[in-house]
C-alpha atoms as a PDB file:
ATOM      1  CA  UNK A   1       5.482  72.368  17.507  1.00  0.00           C
ATOM      2  CA  UNK A   2       6.200  70.463  20.672  1.00  0.00           C
ATOM      3  CA  UNK A   3       6.035  66.970  19.279  1.00  0.00           C
ATOM      4  CA  UNK A   4       6.081  64.923  16.086  1.00  0.00           C
ATOM      5  CA  UNK A   5       4.228  61.603  16.272  1.00  0.00           C
ATOM      6  CA  UNK A   6       4.875  59.174  13.457  1.00  0.00           C
ATOM      7  CA  UNK A   7       4.045  55.601  12.659  1.00  0.00           C
ATOM      8  CA  UNK A   8       7.038  53.323  12.095  1.00  0.00           C
ATOM      9  CA  UNK A   9       7.287  52.055   8.510  1.00  0.00           C
ATOM     10  CA  UNK A  10       8.247  48.578   9.726  1.00  0.00           C
ATOM     11  CA  UNK A  11       5.126  48.320  11.905  1.00  0.00           C
ATOM     12  CA  UNK A  12       1.611  48.643  10.451  1.00  0.00           C
ATOM     13  CA  UNK A  13       0.279  50.894  13.203  1.00  0.00           C
ATOM     14  CA  UNK A  14      -3.257  52.195  13.173  1.00  0.00           C
ATOM     15  CA  UNK A  15      -3.874  55.917  13.391  1.00  0.00           C
ATOM     16  CA  UNK A  16      -5.055  55.236  16.926  1.00  0.00           C
ATOM     17  CA  UNK A  17      -1.609  53.815  17.784  1.00  0.00           C
ATOM     18  CA  UNK A  18       0.096  56.975  16.532  1.00  0.00           C
ATOM     19  CA  UNK A  19      -2.169  59.335  18.458  1.00  0.00           C
ATOM     20  CA  UNK A  20      -1.877  57.206  21.583  1.00  0.00           C
ATOM     21  CA  UNK A  21       1.893  57.789  21.569  1.00  0.00           C
ATOM     22  CA  UNK A  22       1.486  61.549  21.332  1.00  0.00           C
ATOM     23  CA  UNK A  23       1.984  63.329  24.677  1.00  0.00           C
ATOM     24  CA  UNK A  24      -0.482  65.986  23.504  1.00  0.00           C
ATOM     25  CA  UNK A  25      -3.457  64.129  22.019  1.00  0.00           C
ATOM     26  CA  UNK A  26      -5.997  62.939  24.581  1.00  0.00           C
ATOM     27  CA  UNK A  27      -8.606  60.202  24.167  1.00  0.00           C
ATOM     28  CA  UNK A  28     -11.817  61.405  25.809  1.00  0.00           C
ATOM     29  CA  UNK A  29     -14.166  58.485  25.210  1.00  0.00           C
ATOM     30  CA  UNK A  30     -14.844  55.534  22.958  1.00  0.00           C
ATOM     31  CA  UNK A  31     -15.543  51.859  22.683  1.00  0.00           C
ATOM     32  CA  UNK A  32     -14.446  48.778  20.800  1.00  0.00           C
ATOM     33  CA  UNK A  33     -17.183  47.407  18.565  1.00  0.00           C
ATOM     34  CA  UNK A  34     -15.496  44.121  17.771  1.00  0.00           C
ATOM     35  CA  UNK A  35     -14.302  42.500  14.549  1.00  0.00           C
ATOM     36  CA  UNK A  36     -11.605  45.121  13.928  1.00  0.00           C
ATOM     37  CA  UNK A  37     -13.778  48.162  14.663  1.00  0.00           C
ATOM     38  CA  UNK A  38     -13.521  50.889  17.300  1.00  0.00           C
ATOM     39  CA  UNK A  39     -14.578  54.495  17.826  1.00  0.00           C
ATOM     40  CA  UNK A  40     -12.617  57.090  19.824  1.00  0.00           C
ATOM     41  CA  UNK A  41     -13.293  60.753  20.587  1.00  0.00           C
ATOM     42  CA  UNK A  42     -10.046  62.750  20.692  1.00  0.00           C
ATOM     43  CA  UNK A  43      -8.867  66.190  21.718  1.00  0.00           C
ATOM     44  CA  UNK A  44      -5.594  67.608  20.405  1.00  0.00           C
ATOM     45  CA  UNK A  45      -3.675  70.887  20.126  1.00  0.00           C
ATOM     46  CA  UNK A  46      -0.176  72.149  19.311  1.00  0.00           C
ATOM     47  CA  UNK A  47       0.890  68.892  17.745  1.00  0.00           C
ATOM     48  CA  UNK A  48       2.486  67.474  14.596  1.00  0.00           C
ATOM     49  CA  UNK A  49       1.255  64.055  13.534  1.00  0.00           C
ATOM     50  CA  UNK A  50       2.533  61.933  10.642  1.00  0.00           C
ATOM     51  CA  UNK A  51       0.907  58.688   9.574  1.00  0.00           C
ATOM     52  CA  UNK A  52       3.038  56.413   7.409  1.00  0.00           C
ATOM     53  CA  UNK A  53       1.055  53.648   5.688  1.00  0.00           C
ATOM     54  CA  UNK A  54      -1.278  53.130   8.671  1.00  0.00           C
ATOM     55  CA  UNK A  55      -3.250  49.939   9.111  1.00  0.00           C
ATOM     56  CA  UNK A  56      -7.048  50.097   9.001  1.00  0.00           C
ATOM     57  CA  UNK A  57      -9.287  52.661   7.323  1.00  0.00           C
ATOM     58  CA  UNK A  58     -10.113  55.718   9.432  1.00  0.00           C
ATOM     59  CA  UNK A  59     -13.171  57.971   9.157  1.00  0.00           C
ATOM     60  CA  UNK A  60     -12.794  61.327  10.898  1.00  0.00           C
ATOM     61  CA  UNK A  61     -15.379  63.995  11.785  1.00  0.00           C
ATOM     62  CA  UNK A  62     -14.374  67.332  13.342  1.00  0.00           C
ATOM     63  CA  UNK A  63     -16.788  67.945  16.214  1.00  0.00           C
ATOM     64  CA  UNK A  64     -15.441  71.252  17.556  1.00  0.00           C
ATOM     65  CA  UNK A  65     -12.804  73.548  16.080  1.00  0.00           C
ATOM     66  CA  UNK A  66     -10.397  72.397  13.403  1.00  0.00           C
ATOM     67  CA  UNK A  67      -9.502  75.656  11.651  1.00  0.00           C
ATOM     68  CA  UNK A  68      -6.045  75.385  13.178  1.00  0.00           C
ATOM     69  CA  UNK A  69      -5.514  71.902  11.757  1.00  0.00           C
ATOM     70  CA  UNK A  70      -3.781  71.666   8.379  1.00  0.00           C
ATOM     71  CA  UNK A  71      -2.826  68.745   6.180  1.00  0.00           C
ATOM     72  CA  UNK A  72       0.683  69.614   5.074  1.00  0.00           C
ATOM     73  CA  UNK A  73       0.995  66.983   2.337  1.00  0.00           C
ATOM     74  CA  UNK A  74      -2.184  68.327   0.695  1.00  0.00           C
ATOM     75  CA  UNK A  75      -1.118  71.946   0.266  1.00  0.00           C
ATOM     76  CA  UNK A  76      -1.757  73.042   3.850  1.00  0.00           C
ATOM     77  CA  UNK A  77      -5.549  72.966   3.497  1.00  0.00           C
ATOM     78  CA  UNK A  78      -7.237  73.703   6.843  1.00  0.00           C
ATOM     79  CA  UNK A  79     -10.137  71.979   8.553  1.00  0.00           C
ATOM     80  CA  UNK A  80     -13.389  73.296  10.051  1.00  0.00           C
ATOM     81  CA  UNK A  81     -16.190  72.041  12.311  1.00  0.00           C
ATOM     82  CA  UNK A  82     -18.145  69.353  10.476  1.00  0.00           C
ATOM     83  CA  UNK A  83     -15.273  68.456   8.144  1.00  0.00           C
ATOM     84  CA  UNK A  84     -14.855  64.796   7.231  1.00  0.00           C
ATOM     85  CA  UNK A  85     -11.676  62.954   6.312  1.00  0.00           C
ATOM     86  CA  UNK A  86     -11.481  59.435   4.930  1.00  0.00           C
ATOM     87  CA  UNK A  87      -8.072  57.796   5.229  1.00  0.00           C
ATOM     88  CA  UNK A  88      -8.010  54.347   3.578  1.00  0.00           C
ATOM     89  CA  UNK A  89      -5.642  51.719   4.872  1.00  0.00           C
ATOM     90  CA  UNK A  90      -2.064  52.379   3.779  1.00  0.00           C
ATOM     91  CA  UNK A  91      -2.581  56.052   2.847  1.00  0.00           C
ATOM     92  CA  UNK A  92      -0.053  58.238   4.673  1.00  0.00           C
ATOM     93  CA  UNK A  93      -0.605  61.859   5.707  1.00  0.00           C
ATOM     94  CA  UNK A  94       1.111  64.705   7.557  1.00  0.00           C
ATOM     95  CA  UNK A  95      -0.788  67.051   9.910  1.00  0.00           C
ATOM     96  CA  UNK A  96      -0.017  70.211  11.868  1.00  0.00           C
ATOM     97  CA  UNK A  97      -2.287  71.385  14.699  1.00  0.00           C
ATOM     98  CA  UNK A  98      -2.034  74.948  16.021  1.00  0.00           C
ATOM     99  CA  UNK A  99      -5.286  75.270  17.984  1.00  0.00           C
ATOM    100  CA  UNK A 100      -7.436  73.003  20.177  1.00  0.00           C
ATOM    101  CA  UNK A 101     -10.051  70.868  18.445  1.00  0.00           C
ATOM    102  CA  UNK A 102     -12.162  67.824  19.141  1.00  0.00           C
ATOM    103  CA  UNK A 103     -12.825  65.021  16.664  1.00  0.00           C
ATOM    104  CA  UNK A 104     -14.095  61.468  16.420  1.00  0.00           C
ATOM    105  CA  UNK A 105     -12.320  58.606  14.679  1.00  0.00           C
ATOM    106  CA  UNK A 106     -13.918  55.411  13.461  1.00  0.00           C
ATOM    107  CA  UNK A 107     -11.351  52.672  12.793  1.00  0.00           C
ATOM    108  CA  UNK A 108     -12.224  49.749  10.530  1.00  0.00           C
ATOM    109  CA  UNK A 109      -9.978  46.868   9.548  1.00  0.00           C
ATOM    110  CA  UNK A 110     -10.032  46.007   5.863  1.00  0.00           C
ATOM    111  CA  UNK A 111     -11.954  42.798   6.579  1.00  0.00           C
ATOM    112  CA  UNK A 112     -14.571  44.585   8.715  1.00  0.00           C
ATOM    113  CA  UNK A 113     -14.942  47.395   6.197  1.00  0.00           C
ATOM    114  CA  UNK A 114     -15.424  45.218   3.140  1.00  0.00           C
ATOM    115  CA  UNK A 115     -17.486  42.485   4.783  1.00  0.00           C
ATOM    116  CA  UNK A 116     -19.712  45.073   6.465  1.00  0.00           C
ATOM    117  CA  UNK A 117     -20.202  46.839   3.143  1.00  0.00           C
ATOM    118  CA  UNK A 118     -20.991  43.553   1.394  1.00  0.00           C
ATOM    119  CA  UNK A 119     -23.479  42.536   4.108  1.00  0.00           C
ATOM    120  CA  UNK A 120     -25.238  45.896   4.107  1.00  0.00           C
ATOM    121  CA  UNK A 121     -25.541  46.313   0.340  1.00  0.00           C
ATOM    122  CA  UNK A 122     -25.837  42.598  -0.482  1.00  0.00           C
ATOM    123  CA  UNK A 123     -23.160  42.998  -3.130  1.00  0.00           C
ATOM    124  CA  UNK A 124     -19.617  42.023  -3.987  1.00  0.00           C
ATOM    125  CA  UNK A 125     -17.123  43.536  -1.533  1.00  0.00           C
ATOM    126  CA  UNK A 126     -14.963  44.721  -4.435  1.00  0.00           C
ATOM    127  CA  UNK A 127     -17.621  47.210  -5.523  1.00  0.00           C
ATOM    128  CA  UNK A 128     -16.881  49.458  -2.536  1.00  0.00           C
ATOM    129  CA  UNK A 129     -16.082  53.001  -3.703  1.00  0.00           C
ATOM    130  CA  UNK A 130     -14.094  54.714  -0.946  1.00  0.00           C
ATOM    131  CA  UNK A 131     -11.472  57.176  -2.184  1.00  0.00           C
ATOM    132  CA  UNK A 132      -9.253  59.154   0.155  1.00  0.00           C
ATOM    133  CA  UNK A 133     -10.862  62.453   1.173  1.00  0.00           C
ATOM    134  CA  UNK A 134      -9.653  65.495   3.117  1.00  0.00           C
ATOM    135  CA  UNK A 135     -12.033  68.041   4.675  1.00  0.00           C
ATOM    136  CA  UNK A 136     -15.178  67.290   2.710  1.00  0.00           C
ATOM    137  CA  UNK A 137     -18.827  67.876   3.575  1.00  0.00           C
ATOM    138  CA  UNK A 138     -20.927  64.727   3.480  1.00  0.00           C
ATOM    139  CA  UNK A 139     -24.076  64.744   5.655  1.00  0.00           C
ATOM    140  CA  UNK A 140     -24.681  61.048   4.978  1.00  0.00           C
ATOM    141  CA  UNK A 141     -21.383  60.217   6.677  1.00  0.00           C
ATOM    142  CA  UNK A 142     -21.383  63.069   9.199  1.00  0.00           C
ATOM    143  CA  UNK A 143     -24.641  62.041  10.857  1.00  0.00           C
ATOM    144  CA  UNK A 144     -23.631  58.453  11.765  1.00  0.00           C
ATOM    145  CA  UNK A 145     -20.132  59.586  12.776  1.00  0.00           C
ATOM    146  CA  UNK A 146     -21.639  62.165  15.151  1.00  0.00           C
ATOM    147  CA  UNK A 147     -23.912  59.466  16.554  1.00  0.00           C
ATOM    148  CA  UNK A 148     -20.934  57.167  17.035  1.00  0.00           C
ATOM    149  CA  UNK A 149     -19.177  59.934  18.974  1.00  0.00           C
ATOM    150  CA  UNK A 150     -22.215  60.340  21.229  1.00  0.00           C
ATOM    151  CA  UNK A 151     -22.556  56.580  21.647  1.00  0.00           C
ATOM    152  CA  UNK A 152     -18.882  56.263  22.554  1.00  0.00           C
ATOM    153  CA  UNK A 153     -19.194  59.010  25.156  1.00  0.00           C
ATOM    154  CA  UNK A 154     -22.335  57.461  26.667  1.00  0.00           C
ATOM    155  CA  UNK A 155     -21.338  53.827  26.323  1.00  0.00           C
ATOM    156  CA  UNK A 156     -24.549  53.254  24.371  1.00  0.00           C
ATOM    157  CA  UNK A 157     -24.019  49.958  22.547  1.00  0.00           C
ATOM    158  CA  UNK A 158     -27.310  49.886  20.628  1.00  0.00           C
ATOM    159  CA  UNK A 159     -26.821  53.469  19.483  1.00  0.00           C
ATOM    160  CA  UNK A 160     -23.299  52.638  18.277  1.00  0.00           C
ATOM    161  CA  UNK A 161     -24.424  49.528  16.398  1.00  0.00           C
ATOM    162  CA  UNK A 162     -27.242  51.455  14.719  1.00  0.00           C
ATOM    163  CA  UNK A 163     -24.942  54.332  13.749  1.00  0.00           C
ATOM    164  CA  UNK A 164     -22.372  51.929  12.320  1.00  0.00           C
ATOM    165  CA  UNK A 165     -25.070  50.257  10.210  1.00  0.00           C
ATOM    166  CA  UNK A 166     -26.113  53.705   8.930  1.00  0.00           C
ATOM    167  CA  UNK A 167     -22.525  54.502   7.988  1.00  0.00           C
ATOM    168  CA  UNK A 168     -22.175  51.269   6.025  1.00  0.00           C
ATOM    169  CA  UNK A 169     -25.442  52.123   4.297  1.00  0.00           C
ATOM    170  CA  UNK A 170     -24.031  55.527   3.273  1.00  0.00           C
ATOM    171  CA  UNK A 171     -20.975  54.043   1.542  1.00  0.00           C
ATOM    172  CA  UNK A 172     -21.100  54.171  -2.230  1.00  0.00           C
ATOM    173  CA  UNK A 173     -20.903  51.396  -4.777  1.00  0.00           C
ATOM    174  CA  UNK A 174     -19.007  51.536  -8.043  1.00  0.00           C
ATOM    175  CA  UNK A 175     -19.513  49.418 -11.155  1.00  0.00           C
ATOM    176  CA  UNK A 176     -16.940  46.665 -11.345  1.00  0.00           C
ATOM    177  CA  UNK A 177     -16.252  43.853 -13.757  1.00  0.00           C
ATOM    178  CA  UNK A 178     -16.207  40.686 -11.700  1.00  0.00           C
ATOM    179  CA  UNK A 179     -13.911  38.100 -13.264  1.00  0.00           C
ATOM    180  CA  UNK A 180     -13.812  35.786 -10.261  1.00  0.00           C
ATOM    181  CA  UNK A 181     -15.836  35.171  -7.152  1.00  0.00           C
ATOM    182  CA  UNK A 182     -19.384  33.933  -6.635  1.00  0.00           C
ATOM    183  CA  UNK A 183     -22.490  35.092  -8.466  1.00  0.00           C
ATOM    184  CA  UNK A 184     -25.048  37.088  -6.409  1.00  0.00           C
ATOM    185  CA  UNK A 185     -27.650  34.327  -6.583  1.00  0.00           C
ATOM    186  CA  UNK A 186     -25.110  31.825  -5.231  1.00  0.00           C
ATOM    187  CA  UNK A 187     -24.218  34.162  -2.369  1.00  0.00           C
ATOM    188  CA  UNK A 188     -27.894  34.571  -1.500  1.00  0.00           C
ATOM    189  CA  UNK A 189     -28.365  30.800  -1.593  1.00  0.00           C
ATOM    190  CA  UNK A 190     -25.415  30.350   0.743  1.00  0.00           C
ATOM    191  CA  UNK A 191     -26.679  33.029   3.139  1.00  0.00           C
ATOM    192  CA  UNK A 192     -30.180  31.555   3.240  1.00  0.00           C
ATOM    193  CA  UNK A 193     -28.766  28.081   3.937  1.00  0.00           C
ATOM    194  CA  UNK A 194     -26.512  29.396   6.707  1.00  0.00           C
ATOM    195  CA  UNK A 195     -29.404  31.267   8.347  1.00  0.00           C
ATOM    196  CA  UNK A 196     -31.513  28.097   8.288  1.00  0.00           C
ATOM    197  CA  UNK A 197     -28.759  25.969   9.835  1.00  0.00           C
ATOM    198  CA  UNK A 198     -27.097  28.296  12.356  1.00  0.00           C
ATOM    199  CA  UNK A 199     -28.064  26.009  15.219  1.00  0.00           C
ATOM    200  CA  UNK A 200     -26.066  23.195  13.638  1.00  0.00           C
ATOM    201  CA  UNK A 201     -22.447  22.467  12.747  1.00  0.00           C
ATOM    202  CA  UNK A 202     -21.635  23.976   9.343  1.00  0.00           C
ATOM    203  CA  UNK A 203     -18.721  22.693   7.288  1.00  0.00           C
ATOM    204  CA  UNK A 204     -16.898  24.143   4.323  1.00  0.00           C
ATOM    205  CA  UNK A 205     -18.052  21.185   2.246  1.00  0.00           C
ATOM    206  CA  UNK A 206     -21.682  22.005   3.125  1.00  0.00           C
ATOM    207  CA  UNK A 207     -21.278  25.509   1.726  1.00  0.00           C
ATOM    208  CA  UNK A 208     -19.181  24.463  -1.260  1.00  0.00           C
ATOM    209  CA  UNK A 209     -21.865  21.970  -2.309  1.00  0.00           C
ATOM    210  CA  UNK A 210     -24.361  24.840  -2.604  1.00  0.00           C
ATOM    211  CA  UNK A 211     -22.131  26.357  -5.277  1.00  0.00           C
ATOM    212  CA  UNK A 212     -21.134  23.023  -6.824  1.00  0.00           C
ATOM    213  CA  UNK A 213     -17.460  23.757  -6.129  1.00  0.00           C
ATOM    214  CA  UNK A 214     -14.635  22.088  -4.254  1.00  0.00           C
ATOM    215  CA  UNK A 215     -14.039  23.342  -0.725  1.00  0.00           C
ATOM    216  CA  UNK A 216     -10.744  24.953  -1.708  1.00  0.00           C
ATOM    217  CA  UNK A 217     -12.192  26.768  -4.726  1.00  0.00           C
ATOM    218  CA  UNK A 218     -15.280  27.881  -2.823  1.00  0.00           C
ATOM    219  CA  UNK A 219     -13.120  29.311  -0.036  1.00  0.00           C
ATOM    220  CA  UNK A 220     -11.097  31.402  -2.514  1.00  0.00           C
ATOM    221  CA  UNK A 221     -14.134  32.636  -4.447  1.00  0.00           C
ATOM    222  CA  UNK A 222     -16.153  33.440  -1.319  1.00  0.00           C
ATOM    223  CA  UNK A 223     -13.327  35.467   0.168  1.00  0.00           C
ATOM    224  CA  UNK A 224     -13.037  37.502  -3.011  1.00  0.00           C
ATOM    225  CA  UNK A 225     -16.757  38.283  -2.996  1.00  0.00           C
ATOM    226  CA  UNK A 226     -17.384  38.880   0.702  1.00  0.00           C
ATOM    227  CA  UNK A 227     -14.030  40.171   1.877  1.00  0.00           C
ATOM    228  CA  UNK A 228     -13.640  37.522   4.603  1.00  0.00           C
ATOM    229  CA  UNK A 229     -13.335  33.737   4.771  1.00  0.00           C
ATOM    230  CA  UNK A 230     -16.470  31.543   4.931  1.00  0.00           C
ATOM    231  CA  UNK A 231     -15.851  30.461   8.539  1.00  0.00           C
ATOM    232  CA  UNK A 232     -15.523  34.108   9.628  1.00  0.00           C
ATOM    233  CA  UNK A 233     -18.761  34.947   7.810  1.00  0.00           C
ATOM    234  CA  UNK A 234     -20.605  32.112   9.582  1.00  0.00           C
ATOM    235  CA  UNK A 235     -19.169  33.187  12.935  1.00  0.00           C
ATOM    236  CA  UNK A 236     -20.341  36.754  12.318  1.00  0.00           C
ATOM    237  CA  UNK A 237     -23.845  35.445  11.614  1.00  0.00           C
ATOM    238  CA  UNK A 238     -23.803  33.394  14.833  1.00  0.00           C
ATOM    239  CA  UNK A 239     -22.707  36.428  16.866  1.00  0.00           C
ATOM    240  CA  UNK A 240     -25.269  38.657  15.129  1.00  0.00           C
ATOM    241  CA  UNK A 241     -28.072  36.248  16.028  1.00  0.00           C
ATOM    242  CA  UNK A 242     -26.778  36.027  19.595  1.00  0.00           C
ATOM    243  CA  UNK A 243     -26.915  39.831  19.853  1.00  0.00           C
ATOM    244  CA  UNK A 244     -30.588  39.747  18.907  1.00  0.00           C
ATOM    245  CA  UNK A 245     -31.470  36.898  21.265  1.00  0.00           C
ATOM    246  CA  UNK A 246     -29.603  38.527  24.162  1.00  0.00           C
ATOM    247  CA  UNK A 247     -32.199  41.307  24.049  1.00  0.00           C
ATOM    248  CA  UNK A 248     -34.774  38.719  25.117  1.00  0.00           C
ATOM    249  CA  UNK A 249     -35.133  36.748  28.361  1.00  0.00           C
ATOM    250  CA  UNK A 250     -33.974  33.482  26.809  1.00  0.00           C
ATOM    251  CA  UNK A 251     -31.309  31.745  28.935  1.00  0.00           C
ATOM    252  CA  UNK A 252     -27.779  32.271  27.659  1.00  0.00           C
ATOM    253  CA  UNK A 253     -27.179  28.524  27.449  1.00  0.00           C
ATOM    254  CA  UNK A 254     -30.228  28.237  25.188  1.00  0.00           C
ATOM    255  CA  UNK A 255     -28.964  31.123  23.058  1.00  0.00           C
ATOM    256  CA  UNK A 256     -25.619  29.345  22.664  1.00  0.00           C
ATOM    257  CA  UNK A 257     -27.389  26.258  21.346  1.00  0.00           C
ATOM    258  CA  UNK A 258     -29.690  28.252  19.068  1.00  0.00           C
ATOM    259  CA  UNK A 259     -26.683  29.980  17.490  1.00  0.00           C
ATOM    260  CA  UNK A 260     -24.639  26.823  16.942  1.00  0.00           C
ATOM    261  CA  UNK A 261     -22.117  27.186  19.755  1.00  0.00           C
ATOM    262  CA  UNK A 262     -21.053  23.994  21.496  1.00  0.00           C
ATOM    263  CA  UNK A 263     -21.594  25.440  24.975  1.00  0.00           C
ATOM    264  CA  UNK A 264     -22.263  28.627  26.887  1.00  0.00           C
ATOM    265  CA  UNK A 265     -18.529  29.039  27.497  1.00  0.00           C
ATOM    266  CA  UNK A 266     -17.880  28.693  23.750  1.00  0.00           C
ATOM    267  CA  UNK A 267     -20.413  31.460  23.075  1.00  0.00           C
ATOM    268  CA  UNK A 268     -18.790  33.606  25.753  1.00  0.00           C
ATOM    269  CA  UNK A 269     -15.287  33.244  24.257  1.00  0.00           C
ATOM    270  CA  UNK A 270     -16.364  34.007  20.689  1.00  0.00           C
ATOM    271  CA  UNK A 271     -18.813  36.778  21.622  1.00  0.00           C
ATOM    272  CA  UNK A 272     -16.186  38.540  23.727  1.00  0.00           C
ATOM    273  CA  UNK A 273     -13.595  38.233  20.973  1.00  0.00           C
ATOM    274  CA  UNK A 274     -15.940  39.805  18.456  1.00  0.00           C
ATOM    275  CA  UNK A 275     -17.640  42.485  20.573  1.00  0.00           C
ATOM    276  CA  UNK A 276     -15.466  43.178  23.598  1.00  0.00           C
ATOM    277  CA  UNK A 277     -18.355  42.088  25.864  1.00  0.00           C
ATOM    278  CA  UNK A 278     -19.402  38.887  27.551  1.00  0.00           C
ATOM    279  CA  UNK A 279     -22.956  37.808  26.665  1.00  0.00           C
ATOM    280  CA  UNK A 280     -24.108  38.595  30.200  1.00  0.00           C
ATOM    281  CA  UNK A 281     -22.434  41.996  30.088  1.00  0.00           C
ATOM    282  CA  UNK A 282     -23.976  42.805  26.719  1.00  0.00           C
ATOM    283  CA  UNK A 283     -27.416  41.723  27.955  1.00  0.00           C
ATOM    284  CA  UNK A 284     -27.036  43.927  31.024  1.00  0.00           C
ATOM    285  CA  UNK A 285     -26.171  46.953  28.920  1.00  0.00           C
ATOM    286  CA  UNK A 286     -28.838  46.593  26.248  1.00  0.00           C
ATOM    287  CA  UNK A 287     -31.362  45.610  28.871  1.00  0.00           C
ATOM    288  CA  UNK A 288     -30.623  48.789  30.827  1.00  0.00           C
ATOM    289  CA  UNK A 289     -30.932  50.855  27.659  1.00  0.00           C
ATOM    290  CA  UNK A 290     -34.303  49.317  26.798  1.00  0.00           C
ATOM    291  CA  UNK A 291     -35.730  49.880  30.257  1.00  0.00           C
ATOM    292  CA  UNK A 292     -34.212  53.331  30.758  1.00  0.00           C
ATOM    293  CA  UNK A 293     -32.257  52.054  33.740  1.00  0.00           C
ATOM    294  CA  UNK A 294     -28.606  52.403  34.606  1.00  0.00           C
ATOM    295  CA  UNK A 295     -26.602  54.075  31.851  1.00  0.00           C
ATOM    296  CA  UNK A 296     -24.392  51.760  29.855  1.00  0.00           C
ATOM    297  CA  UNK A 297     -21.344  53.961  30.443  1.00  0.00           C
ATOM    298  CA  UNK A 298     -21.102  52.466  33.916  1.00  0.00           C
ATOM    299  CA  UNK A 299     -20.457  49.063  32.325  1.00  0.00           C
ATOM    300  CA  UNK A 300     -18.019  49.913  29.537  1.00  0.00           C
ATOM    301  CA  UNK A 301     -15.510  47.126  28.910  1.00  0.00           C
ATOM    302  CA  UNK A 302     -12.041  47.857  30.185  1.00  0.00           C
ATOM    303  CA  UNK A 303     -10.620  47.869  26.666  1.00  0.00           C
ATOM    304  CA  UNK A 304     -13.148  50.454  25.436  1.00  0.00           C
ATOM    305  CA  UNK A 305     -10.380  52.831  24.377  1.00  0.00           C
ATOM    306  CA  UNK A 306      -8.058  50.186  22.998  1.00  0.00           C
ATOM    307  CA  UNK A 307      -7.362  50.061  19.255  1.00  0.00           C
ATOM    308  CA  UNK A 308      -9.342  47.604  17.130  1.00  0.00           C
ATOM    309  CA  UNK A 309      -7.747  44.210  16.586  1.00  0.00           C
ATOM    310  CA  UNK A 310      -7.827  42.010  13.549  1.00  0.00           C
ATOM    311  CA  UNK A 311     -10.090  39.044  14.160  1.00  0.00           C
ATOM    312  CA  UNK A 312      -9.179  35.562  12.931  1.00  0.00           C
END
């Protein structure tokens, strides 16, 4: 082997960070999807890669080749085209690559993973069932991962968002005994109230009153149930509504007001932080996709191959 890439135990690197340092692995395409989420298509050969307690959960799908890729800490089992690996945050692994192969990685921060699961399944985030997996066949995961690879290569934002939603929908739930957190009917009440008041200022006390709790206690219980803090949940809902409205001809300043942002510049700062795009840039891309015009790949953000960042 010509190289051994490892993550440093003192630094919670993502798997992306480790591969980026390899002189052999090559990132072919990808995009950042905001809120601690990114997709990258890789090519690698003749390499040795060790991940030590990596940050973020990584989903992997082998697109081409893979029979020359072995996981050494799992008995040397070899991959194959269509194989899926699931590497939860903090799970280390050791890999040896003897032949060229191409694969796609989806990186999800713990907050994005659990909050996305909770939003999609309308359930407690702690019911997520996602064990580590090496070289499994799972069509329900393979299909959205393949679509994410295609979307990353084309710069197709709508395709990527749809594929990510499908992947969250394919994640399994497990029965859990909830000893803390908020009851489902309280969470639905909170969500309905937020949706009805997104164009207004929303305070922690407003939300806590819906559950008849103090602000401090509500904050703790909400985070347990949804996987992220209340203010981050509200911000996600504002950005999600802005995404929808940006597919219309409504002025961006009007969209900012309709989504509860204090100004167009406020919307721009938050939207860019969460998606990697400015509102105008996002509108240009999704508008081109709707009309069959210029391909979105011409407008990929400069950080499209950068690793996902944790969002406050």
